Protein backbone atom coordinates (compact mmCIF):
# COMPACT_ATOMS: atom_id res chain seq x y z
CA UNK A 1 35.26 14.87 50.65
CA UNK A 2 37.94 13.59 48.24
CA UNK A 3 40.07 16.42 46.88
CA UNK A 4 40.12 14.79 43.42
CA UNK A 5 36.34 14.62 43.12
CA UNK A 6 34.85 16.86 40.44
CA UNK A 7 31.21 15.76 40.37
CA UNK A 8 29.06 14.61 43.24
CA UNK A 9 25.86 12.64 43.19
CA UNK A 10 22.66 13.88 44.80
CA UNK A 11 19.15 12.56 45.32
CA UNK A 12 16.49 15.02 44.23
CA UNK A 13 14.12 15.93 47.04
CA UNK A 14 11.96 18.46 45.14
CA UNK A 15 11.84 20.11 41.73
CA UNK A 16 9.01 22.57 42.49
CA UNK A 17 11.08 25.74 42.25
CA UNK A 18 8.79 28.67 43.15
CA UNK A 19 10.87 30.90 40.86
CA UNK A 20 10.39 28.44 37.96
CA UNK A 21 14.07 28.67 37.08
CA UNK A 22 14.59 24.91 37.02
CA UNK A 23 16.32 24.74 40.40
CA UNK A 24 16.12 21.61 42.56
CA UNK A 25 16.44 20.75 46.21
CA UNK A 26 18.76 17.79 46.59
CA UNK A 27 21.14 16.22 49.08
CA UNK A 28 24.44 14.48 48.53
CA UNK A 29 24.14 10.72 48.86
CA UNK A 30 26.77 10.86 51.58
CA UNK A 31 24.98 13.59 53.57
CA UNK A 32 22.46 13.32 56.40
CA UNK A 33 19.67 15.82 55.91
CA UNK A 34 18.69 16.03 59.58
CA UNK A 35 22.25 16.68 60.75
CA UNK A 36 22.73 19.49 58.22
CA UNK A 37 19.54 21.39 59.03
CA UNK A 38 20.23 20.92 62.76
CA UNK A 39 23.53 22.75 62.31
CA UNK A 40 21.74 25.83 60.96
CA UNK A 41 21.24 28.31 63.82
CA UNK A 42 20.61 32.00 64.45
CA UNK A 43 17.79 31.53 63.86
CA UNK A 44 17.19 27.77 63.85
CA UNK A 45 16.08 26.08 60.60
CA UNK A 46 12.37 26.35 59.82
CA UNK A 47 11.33 23.62 57.41
CA UNK A 48 8.22 25.48 56.23
CA UNK A 49 9.68 28.98 55.77
CA UNK A 50 13.34 28.44 54.90
CA UNK A 51 13.16 25.98 51.99
CA UNK A 52 13.95 27.56 48.59
CA UNK A 53 15.33 30.68 50.37
CA UNK A 54 18.89 31.94 50.59
CA UNK A 55 19.23 29.98 53.84
CA UNK A 56 18.45 26.64 52.12
CA UNK A 57 21.74 24.73 51.64
CA UNK A 58 20.08 22.12 49.40
CA UNK A 59 19.17 24.36 46.45
CA UNK A 60 21.11 23.69 43.23
CA UNK A 61 20.84 25.80 40.09
CA UNK A 62 20.94 24.17 36.66
CA UNK A 63 24.30 24.23 34.95
CA UNK A 64 22.60 24.18 31.56
CA UNK A 65 21.27 27.56 30.40
CA UNK A 66 17.66 28.29 31.22
CA UNK A 67 16.83 28.05 27.52
CA UNK A 68 17.71 24.33 27.69
CA UNK A 69 15.15 23.50 30.36
CA UNK A 70 15.82 20.04 31.79
CA UNK A 71 14.74 19.29 35.36
CA UNK A 72 14.97 15.87 37.06
CA UNK A 73 12.06 14.41 38.99
CA UNK A 74 11.85 13.80 42.72
CA UNK A 75 13.99 10.83 43.84
CA UNK A 76 15.97 10.80 40.62
CA UNK A 77 19.73 11.33 40.62
CA UNK A 78 21.61 14.42 39.50
CA UNK A 79 25.29 15.24 39.22
CA UNK A 80 26.41 18.41 41.02
CA UNK A 81 29.54 20.50 41.14
CA UNK A 82 30.73 23.47 43.12
CA UNK A 83 32.51 26.65 42.12
CA UNK A 84 34.67 25.96 45.18
CA UNK A 85 34.10 22.60 46.76
CA UNK A 86 35.70 23.86 49.99
CA UNK A 87 32.60 25.96 50.46
CA UNK A 88 29.69 23.58 50.05
CA UNK A 89 26.16 24.94 49.75
CA UNK A 90 27.33 28.06 47.89
CA UNK A 91 27.37 28.53 44.13
CA UNK A 92 26.36 24.92 43.50
CA UNK A 93 25.06 23.59 40.19
CA UNK A 94 23.57 20.39 38.81
CA UNK A 95 23.19 18.56 35.51
CA UNK A 96 20.78 15.76 34.65
CA UNK A 97 22.17 12.32 35.46
CA UNK A 98 22.34 9.49 32.91
CA UNK A 99 19.68 6.76 32.67
CA UNK A 100 20.17 3.03 32.53
CA UNK A 101 17.96 2.73 29.40
CA UNK A 102 15.84 4.97 27.12
CA UNK A 103 12.87 2.97 28.42
CA UNK A 104 13.43 4.33 31.96
CA UNK A 105 13.36 8.02 31.04
CA UNK A 106 9.83 8.46 32.33
CA UNK A 107 11.29 8.03 35.81
CA UNK A 108 14.30 6.21 37.24
CA UNK A 109 15.02 5.95 40.96
CA UNK A 110 18.38 7.51 41.76
CA UNK A 111 20.12 4.17 42.39
CA UNK A 112 19.49 3.02 38.80
CA UNK A 113 21.21 6.09 37.38
CA UNK A 114 24.54 4.60 38.49
CA UNK A 115 24.25 1.48 36.30
CA UNK A 116 27.03 2.49 33.90
CA UNK A 117 29.34 3.94 36.54
CA UNK A 118 31.91 2.27 38.71
CA UNK A 119 29.36 1.81 41.49
CA UNK A 120 26.74 0.19 39.23
CA UNK A 121 28.31 -3.20 38.67
CA UNK A 122 25.95 -4.82 41.16
CA UNK A 123 22.87 -3.63 39.29
CA UNK A 124 21.11 -5.91 36.82
CA UNK A 125 21.95 -5.25 33.18
CA UNK A 126 19.08 -3.51 31.34
CA UNK A 127 17.69 -4.98 28.12
CA UNK A 128 19.59 -3.66 25.07
CA UNK A 129 17.62 -2.10 22.21
CA UNK A 130 20.21 -2.95 19.54
CA UNK A 131 22.52 -5.83 18.83
CA UNK A 132 26.26 -5.30 18.71
CA UNK A 133 26.15 -5.11 14.90
CA UNK A 134 23.73 -2.18 15.06
CA UNK A 135 20.58 -4.10 14.13
CA UNK A 136 17.46 -3.78 16.26
CA UNK A 137 16.30 -6.37 18.78
CA UNK A 138 12.70 -7.58 19.21
CA UNK A 139 11.82 -7.66 15.49
CA UNK A 140 12.59 -3.93 15.27
CA UNK A 141 9.23 -3.01 16.83
CA UNK A 142 10.85 0.09 18.38
CA UNK A 143 12.72 1.26 15.28
CA UNK A 144 12.44 5.05 14.96
CA UNK A 145 11.13 5.65 18.49
CA UNK A 146 14.45 6.89 19.91
CA UNK A 147 17.00 9.21 18.24
CA UNK A 148 19.70 7.61 16.12
CA UNK A 149 23.42 8.25 16.67
CA UNK A 150 24.54 11.38 14.83
CA UNK A 151 21.16 13.11 15.09
CA UNK A 152 20.33 15.86 17.58
CA UNK A 153 17.19 15.72 19.68
CA UNK A 154 15.23 17.21 22.53
CA UNK A 155 13.28 14.48 24.29
CA UNK A 156 10.20 14.57 26.44
CA UNK A 157 9.81 11.95 29.12
CA UNK A 158 7.02 10.26 27.18
CA UNK A 159 6.01 10.04 23.53
CA UNK A 160 7.00 13.55 22.43
CA UNK A 161 10.33 14.76 21.06
CA UNK A 162 12.03 17.08 18.59
CA UNK A 163 14.59 15.42 16.32
CA UNK A 164 16.97 17.44 14.14
CA UNK A 165 18.59 15.28 11.49
CA UNK A 166 20.99 16.56 8.85
CA UNK A 167 18.32 17.96 6.53
CA UNK A 168 15.10 17.14 8.36
CA UNK A 169 13.44 18.31 11.55
CA UNK A 170 10.70 16.27 13.21
CA UNK A 171 8.31 17.33 15.93
CA UNK A 172 6.44 14.28 17.21
CA UNK A 173 3.87 13.26 19.80
CA UNK A 174 2.54 9.73 20.30
CA UNK A 175 5.61 8.09 18.74
CA UNK A 176 4.97 4.78 20.53
CA UNK A 177 1.88 2.80 21.41
CA UNK A 178 0.70 2.63 25.00
CA UNK A 179 0.37 5.21 27.76
CA UNK A 180 4.02 5.46 28.82
CA UNK A 181 7.45 3.90 28.59
CA UNK A 182 7.92 0.72 30.62
CA UNK A 183 11.43 -0.02 31.90
CA UNK A 184 13.20 -2.74 29.88
CA UNK A 185 10.21 -3.25 27.58
CA UNK A 186 10.90 -2.10 23.99
CA UNK A 187 8.07 0.24 22.98
CA UNK A 188 6.11 -0.48 19.81
CA UNK A 189 6.42 2.29 17.22
CA UNK A 190 3.17 4.10 16.45
CA UNK A 191 2.86 4.96 12.75
CA UNK A 192 -0.23 7.08 13.49
CA UNK A 193 1.69 9.56 15.63
CA UNK A 194 1.07 13.27 15.41
CA UNK A 195 3.96 14.99 13.64
CA UNK A 196 5.34 18.00 11.86
CA UNK A 197 8.15 17.35 9.37
CA UNK A 198 10.23 19.83 7.40
CA UNK A 199 12.76 18.32 4.98
CA UNK A 200 15.22 19.34 2.31
CA UNK A 201 16.27 16.84 -0.35
CA UNK A 202 19.21 17.26 -2.70
CA UNK A 203 17.24 15.95 -5.67
CA UNK A 204 13.73 16.07 -7.07
CA UNK A 205 11.63 13.07 -8.02
CA UNK A 206 9.45 13.53 -11.11
CA UNK A 207 6.55 11.23 -11.94
CA UNK A 208 6.50 10.21 -15.61
CA UNK A 209 3.56 8.66 -17.52
CA UNK A 210 2.95 5.08 -16.43
CA UNK A 211 4.22 2.27 -18.61
CA UNK A 212 1.52 -0.26 -19.50
CA UNK A 213 2.80 -3.81 -19.91
CA UNK A 214 0.41 -6.42 -21.26
CA UNK A 215 1.34 -10.07 -20.93
CA UNK A 216 -0.47 -12.71 -22.96
CA UNK A 217 -0.51 -16.18 -21.49
CA UNK A 218 -2.14 -19.14 -23.19
CA UNK A 219 -5.09 -20.54 -21.30
CA UNK A 220 -5.28 -24.32 -21.39
CA UNK A 221 -8.86 -25.50 -21.99
CA UNK A 222 -10.45 -28.89 -22.58
CA UNK A 223 -11.54 -29.34 -26.22
CA UNK A 224 -15.15 -30.54 -26.25
CA UNK A 225 -15.71 -31.31 -29.96
CA UNK A 226 -13.53 -32.38 -32.89
CA UNK A 227 -14.34 -31.80 -36.57
CA UNK A 228 -12.38 -34.01 -38.99
CA UNK A 229 -12.63 -33.84 -42.79
CA UNK A 230 -11.67 -36.72 -45.04
CA UNK A 231 -10.86 -36.93 -48.78
CA UNK A 232 -11.25 -40.55 -49.87
CA UNK A 233 -9.86 -40.11 -53.42
CA UNK A 234 -7.15 -37.49 -53.04
CA UNK A 235 -5.12 -38.79 -55.99
CA UNK A 236 -7.83 -38.24 -58.65
CA UNK A 237 -7.06 -35.96 -61.56
CA UNK A 238 -10.65 -35.40 -62.67
CA UNK A 239 -11.42 -32.61 -60.14
CA UNK A 240 -14.05 -34.92 -58.70
CA UNK A 241 -13.72 -35.47 -54.97
CA UNK A 242 -15.54 -37.71 -52.50
CA UNK A 243 -15.31 -37.64 -48.74
CA UNK A 244 -16.95 -36.86 -45.41
CA UNK A 245 -16.91 -34.37 -42.55
CA UNK A 246 -17.33 -35.80 -39.04
CA UNK A 247 -18.23 -34.12 -35.72
CA UNK A 248 -17.05 -36.01 -32.64
CA UNK A 249 -17.68 -35.26 -29.00
CA UNK A 250 -14.50 -35.72 -26.97
CA UNK A 251 -14.15 -37.12 -23.50
CA UNK A 252 -12.05 -35.04 -21.13
CA UNK A 253 -8.44 -36.17 -21.24
CA UNK A 254 -4.97 -34.68 -21.02
CA UNK A 255 -4.36 -35.59 -24.69
CA UNK A 256 -7.38 -33.56 -25.83
CA UNK A 257 -6.75 -30.25 -24.12
CA UNK A 258 -5.98 -27.17 -26.19
CA UNK A 259 -2.23 -27.56 -25.75
CA UNK A 260 -1.87 -31.23 -26.70
CA UNK A 261 -4.51 -31.55 -29.41
CA UNK A 262 -2.88 -30.34 -32.66
CA UNK A 263 -3.00 -31.08 -36.38
CA UNK A 264 -1.27 -34.45 -36.12
CA UNK A 265 -2.34 -35.69 -32.69
CA UNK A 266 -3.62 -39.27 -32.67
CA UNK A 267 -6.81 -39.27 -30.60
CA UNK A 268 -7.76 -42.62 -29.11
CA UNK A 269 -11.02 -43.97 -30.48
CA UNK A 270 -12.21 -44.53 -26.90
CA UNK A 271 -12.16 -40.74 -26.40
CA UNK A 272 -14.28 -40.00 -29.52
CA UNK A 273 -18.06 -40.25 -29.81
CA UNK A 274 -19.54 -39.63 -33.30
CA UNK A 275 -22.25 -36.98 -33.33
CA UNK A 276 -22.81 -36.23 -37.04
CA UNK A 277 -21.40 -37.33 -40.41
CA UNK A 278 -21.93 -35.28 -43.58
CA UNK A 279 -20.86 -37.00 -46.82
CA UNK A 280 -20.03 -35.41 -50.17
CA UNK A 281 -19.27 -36.88 -53.62
CA UNK A 282 -18.45 -35.73 -57.14
CA UNK A 283 -17.56 -32.23 -55.97
CA UNK A 284 -14.96 -30.07 -57.56
CA UNK A 285 -12.05 -28.91 -55.50
CA UNK A 286 -13.63 -25.52 -54.86
CA UNK A 287 -16.97 -27.16 -54.02
CA UNK A 288 -15.21 -29.51 -51.62
CA UNK A 289 -13.56 -26.58 -49.87
CA UNK A 290 -16.91 -24.79 -49.63
CA UNK A 291 -18.65 -27.91 -48.28
CA UNK A 292 -16.11 -28.43 -45.50
CA UNK A 293 -15.99 -24.74 -44.60
CA UNK A 294 -19.78 -24.50 -44.50
CA UNK A 295 -19.90 -27.41 -42.05
CA UNK A 296 -17.33 -25.70 -39.81
CA UNK A 297 -19.25 -22.41 -40.01
CA UNK A 298 -22.51 -24.19 -39.15
CA UNK A 299 -20.91 -25.68 -36.03
CA UNK A 300 -19.65 -22.22 -35.12
CA UNK A 301 -23.02 -20.47 -35.31
CA UNK A 302 -25.77 -23.09 -35.10
CA UNK A 303 -26.81 -26.20 -33.18
CA UNK A 304 -28.29 -28.14 -36.15
CA UNK A 305 -27.25 -28.75 -39.74
CA UNK A 306 -29.18 -27.49 -42.78
CA UNK A 307 -30.68 -30.98 -43.14
CA UNK A 308 -31.88 -30.84 -39.51
CA UNK A 309 -29.29 -33.04 -37.82
CA UNK A 310 -28.57 -32.08 -34.21
CA UNK A 311 -25.01 -30.93 -33.70
CA UNK A 312 -25.13 -29.66 -30.11
CA UNK A 313 -27.67 -29.82 -27.34
CA UNK A 314 -26.80 -26.30 -26.19
CA UNK A 315 -25.37 -23.21 -27.85
CA UNK A 316 -23.67 -22.25 -24.59
CA UNK A 317 -21.76 -25.47 -24.02
CA UNK A 318 -20.22 -26.40 -27.38
CA UNK A 319 -16.90 -24.59 -27.43
CA UNK A 320 -14.01 -25.20 -27.81
CA UNK A 321 -14.21 -26.99 -31.18
CA UNK A 322 -11.09 -28.16 -33.02
CA UNK A 323 -11.22 -28.72 -36.80
CA UNK A 324 -8.60 -30.54 -38.92
CA UNK A 325 -8.12 -33.28 -41.58
CA UNK A 326 -8.14 -36.79 -40.19
CA UNK A 327 -4.79 -38.49 -39.74
CA UNK A 328 -4.98 -40.43 -43.02
CA UNK A 329 -5.82 -37.37 -45.11
CA UNK A 330 -3.15 -35.32 -43.36
CA UNK A 331 -0.55 -38.01 -44.05
CA UNK A 332 -0.68 -37.15 -47.79
CA UNK A 333 0.90 -33.77 -47.11
CA UNK A 334 3.24 -34.60 -44.23
CA UNK A 335 7.00 -34.47 -44.90
CA UNK A 336 7.16 -38.28 -45.13
CA UNK A 337 4.66 -38.31 -48.04
CA UNK A 338 6.67 -35.83 -50.09
CA UNK A 339 9.52 -38.32 -50.32
CA UNK A 340 7.29 -40.83 -52.11
CA UNK A 341 7.61 -40.92 -55.87
CA UNK A 342 5.11 -41.58 -58.57
CA UNK A 343 2.27 -39.74 -60.24
CA UNK A 344 -0.37 -40.90 -57.73
CA UNK A 345 1.52 -39.59 -54.67
CA UNK A 346 2.24 -36.30 -56.39
CA UNK A 347 -1.40 -35.80 -57.38
CA UNK A 348 -2.59 -36.62 -53.83
CA UNK A 349 -0.09 -34.17 -52.33
CA UNK A 350 -1.14 -31.41 -54.75
CA UNK A 351 -4.90 -31.90 -54.25
CA UNK A 352 -4.88 -32.24 -50.47
CA UNK A 353 -2.47 -29.30 -50.08
CA UNK A 354 -4.68 -26.97 -52.11
CA UNK A 355 -7.80 -28.03 -50.19
CA UNK A 356 -5.98 -27.92 -46.83
CA UNK A 357 -4.74 -24.38 -47.27
CA UNK A 358 -8.25 -23.03 -47.88
CA UNK A 359 -10.06 -24.77 -45.01
CA UNK A 360 -10.74 -21.85 -42.60
CA UNK A 361 -13.55 -20.55 -40.45
CA UNK A 362 -12.84 -17.13 -41.96
CA UNK A 363 -10.89 -16.45 -45.14
CA UNK A 364 -8.90 -13.72 -43.38
CA UNK A 365 -7.19 -16.28 -41.15
CA UNK A 366 -3.56 -16.95 -42.04
CA UNK A 367 -3.62 -20.56 -40.89
CA UNK A 368 -5.49 -22.98 -43.12
CA UNK A 369 -6.42 -26.63 -42.65
CA UNK A 370 -6.96 -26.67 -38.93
CA UNK A 371 -7.79 -24.39 -36.00
CA UNK A 372 -9.32 -24.15 -32.54
CA UNK A 373 -12.63 -22.31 -32.26
CA UNK A 374 -12.42 -21.40 -28.54
CA UNK A 375 -15.47 -19.11 -28.67
CA UNK A 376 -17.98 -18.04 -31.28
CA UNK A 377 -16.13 -16.54 -34.26
CA UNK A 378 -12.82 -16.71 -32.37
CA UNK A 379 -10.07 -18.95 -33.74
CA UNK A 380 -6.63 -19.47 -32.26
CA UNK A 381 -5.16 -20.05 -28.84
CA UNK A 382 -7.32 -18.86 -25.94
CA UNK A 383 -5.25 -16.23 -24.19
CA UNK A 384 -5.36 -14.66 -20.77
CA UNK A 385 -4.22 -11.04 -20.92
CA UNK A 386 -2.68 -9.53 -17.80
CA UNK A 387 -2.10 -5.78 -17.78
CA UNK A 388 0.45 -4.35 -15.38
CA UNK A 389 0.85 -0.65 -14.71
CA UNK A 390 4.49 0.15 -13.99
CA UNK A 391 5.03 3.61 -12.48
CA UNK A 392 7.79 5.56 -14.20
CA UNK A 393 9.89 8.16 -12.46
CA UNK A 394 13.06 10.19 -12.85
CA UNK A 395 15.37 11.97 -10.45
CA UNK A 396 16.95 15.36 -11.14
CA UNK A 397 19.70 17.13 -9.23
CA UNK A 398 17.43 19.94 -8.09
CA UNK A 399 17.11 20.68 -4.38
CA UNK A 400 13.55 20.61 -3.08
CA UNK A 401 11.88 21.08 0.27
CA UNK A 402 8.78 19.43 1.74
CA UNK A 403 6.63 20.15 4.75
CA UNK A 404 3.97 17.89 6.21
CA UNK A 405 1.66 17.88 9.21
CA UNK A 406 -0.02 14.66 10.25
CA UNK A 407 -2.35 13.47 12.99
CA UNK A 408 -5.63 11.59 13.40
CA UNK A 409 -7.46 14.91 13.42
CA UNK A 410 -5.97 18.20 12.18
CA UNK A 411 -7.19 21.71 13.01
CA UNK A 412 -6.31 24.96 11.24
CA UNK A 413 -7.46 27.63 13.69
CA UNK A 414 -7.71 31.41 13.61
CA UNK A 415 -8.17 33.57 16.71
CA UNK A 416 -10.26 36.09 14.77
CA UNK A 417 -12.29 33.93 12.37
CA UNK A 418 -15.64 32.36 13.15
CA UNK A 419 -18.06 30.27 11.12
CA UNK A 420 -21.43 32.08 10.96
CA UNK A 421 -23.81 30.52 13.44
CA UNK A 422 -21.08 28.65 15.34
CA UNK A 423 -19.31 31.46 17.17
CA UNK A 424 -15.67 32.10 17.96
CA UNK A 425 -13.48 29.51 19.60
CA UNK A 426 -12.62 30.22 23.24
CA UNK A 427 -8.84 29.88 23.55
CA UNK A 428 -8.75 30.60 27.29
CA UNK A 429 -6.42 28.37 29.30
CA UNK A 430 -4.80 26.90 26.19
CA UNK A 431 -1.47 28.77 26.31
CA UNK A 432 0.42 25.69 27.56
CA UNK A 433 -1.51 23.29 25.33
CA UNK A 434 -5.07 22.42 24.33
CA UNK A 435 -6.60 19.61 26.37
CA UNK A 436 -8.59 16.68 24.98
CA UNK A 437 -11.82 18.10 26.45
CA UNK A 438 -11.20 21.45 24.77
CA UNK A 439 -10.55 19.80 21.42
CA UNK A 440 -13.77 17.77 21.59
CA UNK A 441 -16.13 20.09 23.46
CA UNK A 442 -15.06 23.55 22.29
CA UNK A 443 -13.16 23.35 19.01
CA UNK A 444 -14.85 20.47 17.17
CA UNK A 445 -18.37 22.02 17.20
CA UNK A 446 -17.02 25.39 15.99
CA UNK A 447 -15.09 24.08 12.98
CA UNK A 448 -16.02 22.61 9.61
CA UNK A 449 -14.58 19.94 7.35
CA UNK A 450 -11.95 20.88 4.79
CA UNK A 451 -12.90 20.55 1.11
CA UNK A 452 -10.97 18.34 -1.32
CA UNK A 453 -10.39 20.45 -4.42
CA UNK A 454 -10.25 17.93 -7.28
CA UNK A 455 -13.27 16.00 -6.01
CA UNK A 456 -15.28 19.23 -5.74
CA UNK A 457 -14.38 20.12 -9.34
CA UNK A 458 -15.62 16.71 -10.50
CA UNK A 459 -19.04 17.38 -8.98
CA UNK A 460 -19.15 20.93 -10.36
CA UNK A 461 -18.18 19.66 -13.81
CA UNK A 462 -21.01 17.10 -13.69
CA UNK A 463 -23.52 19.80 -12.76
CA UNK A 464 -22.26 22.20 -15.44
CA UNK A 465 -22.42 19.47 -18.10
CA UNK A 466 -26.03 18.79 -17.16
CA UNK A 467 -26.93 22.49 -17.29
CA UNK A 468 -25.34 22.97 -20.70
CA UNK A 469 -26.59 19.82 -22.43
CA UNK A 470 -30.03 19.21 -20.90
CA UNK A 471 -33.26 19.55 -22.87
CA UNK A 472 -36.98 19.88 -22.05
CA UNK A 473 -39.70 17.76 -23.60
CA UNK A 474 -41.98 20.81 -23.73
CA UNK A 475 -41.62 24.40 -22.51
CA UNK A 476 -42.43 24.60 -18.81
CA UNK A 477 -41.73 20.92 -18.10
CA UNK A 478 -38.78 19.71 -15.99
CA UNK A 479 -35.57 18.76 -17.84
CA UNK A 480 -35.30 15.35 -19.48
CA UNK A 481 -33.44 13.16 -16.93
CA UNK A 482 -30.73 12.16 -19.43
CA UNK A 483 -28.91 14.92 -21.34
CA UNK A 484 -27.47 14.90 -24.83
CA UNK A 485 -23.97 13.96 -23.61
CA UNK A 486 -25.20 11.15 -21.34
CA UNK A 487 -25.09 12.91 -17.96
CA UNK A 488 -28.20 12.36 -15.89
CA UNK A 489 -30.04 13.45 -12.76
CA UNK A 490 -29.41 10.15 -10.98
CA UNK A 491 -25.63 10.55 -11.24
CA UNK A 492 -25.79 14.09 -9.87
CA UNK A 493 -27.94 13.05 -6.89
CA UNK A 494 -25.63 10.11 -6.18
CA UNK A 495 -22.55 12.33 -6.25
CA UNK A 496 -24.25 14.82 -3.95
CA UNK A 497 -24.88 12.06 -1.42
CA UNK A 498 -21.27 10.90 -1.70
CA UNK A 499 -19.97 14.44 -1.28
CA UNK A 500 -20.06 14.24 2.53
CA UNK A 501 -17.29 11.65 2.46
CA UNK A 502 -15.75 12.16 -0.98
CA UNK A 503 -15.45 15.95 -1.05
CA UNK A 504 -15.35 16.78 2.67
CA UNK A 505 -12.54 15.58 4.97
CA UNK A 506 -14.02 15.67 8.46
CA UNK A 507 -10.63 14.96 10.05
CA UNK A 508 -9.03 18.14 8.68
CA UNK A 509 -11.00 21.08 10.06
CA UNK A 510 -10.86 24.86 10.15
CA UNK A 511 -12.84 27.76 11.56
């Protein structure tokens, strides 16, 4: 034995300490078990009676305190040391050996424990779980499964552990998917693990009233009909006007959608099909305005004119309708016309302007002369309104603590309570943990679903409203199904049926 050696490696032969103190039976890798037991005489070694006794030279006590229980498995490696290495087999202690990867902690044959020692250079490199820059490999499927540097933890050999972070403690079971860890295969994190979490945060988060944002976006639609009004003698000074109002059906085209068709758009004649013409003559200016507006209003609300002419074949399929002066009439009031001089041009500008400004489907509209009727009684740009609810929150420098317990099924159990008719739960043989069979066969039938408070109050409020506001048709008859405030028997019966899933949570149970 090298005088400079401090630790020695052993192969675990058994961890079934009859005293349950965490001792192991193990032999140095350089020792021959048969030769050592053969040297034991007076009396000779008895394999059945002498193991785990004071005569057993292969028993090592844990160097870690009993309260940090950590025992290797059979055929794993441990590191041992001696109080005095000149006297082997006396006062000898062990500590758990290292592993080649977190994925091998379920069990690793003793040879693999030497991977990151001087004697492990011949062993195959295990698969790393992180890149050299600290990022996770394998699309981070195993993120959170193993403790992070800087945190403290107590690990089970499977899916259970206790992790103590700076201000949070986690107790977890089922932290990865699958039955057990597989060497060099990154485990997939299981978000539906069972857990208990206690946390302290150095600030509080306060929910504020939501902010409602409404966005209005113009909807582009194809204009189906065009109303054009014409003044044939706009320059007259006798307040005696002649003209026509035309209704055209438009063919679908990019130039005639609700964005491109405006007051001055030139619509190709090939896209227009005349449906109705209504002429007027010798009307005053006010009568002319009324005549044109009445035609627009008739198109808005009816399918035929007063004289019986058919405007539309269907009330449902006539919108959108665009009304405006025709291009010639509009030209009298365009900027180019105002530059013309002479009494005739000035009279035409004045007359058409006054008529133009009062042509409206409804007098309350600000815009005169033209407009898009995109639905009955609705003039303007068809809009699509999108409402977005933006949660609002604030943080305050107030320390707060949280506790949470999560699992697929939760039980809150009392040793002394019992649901009438179901009996007490038998907790025998559960001191070291409740088995799956006990959860399903014993505890589930003797517990009931937990009640959701707010949902229960909603049902109670509905019942109370019905009781307070109901009436009877005659004394002695059942209540009228619908009460004075609108609550009704059907709603109550529906809510009662929904109560089994809405009010009761069958996965959180108590006795």
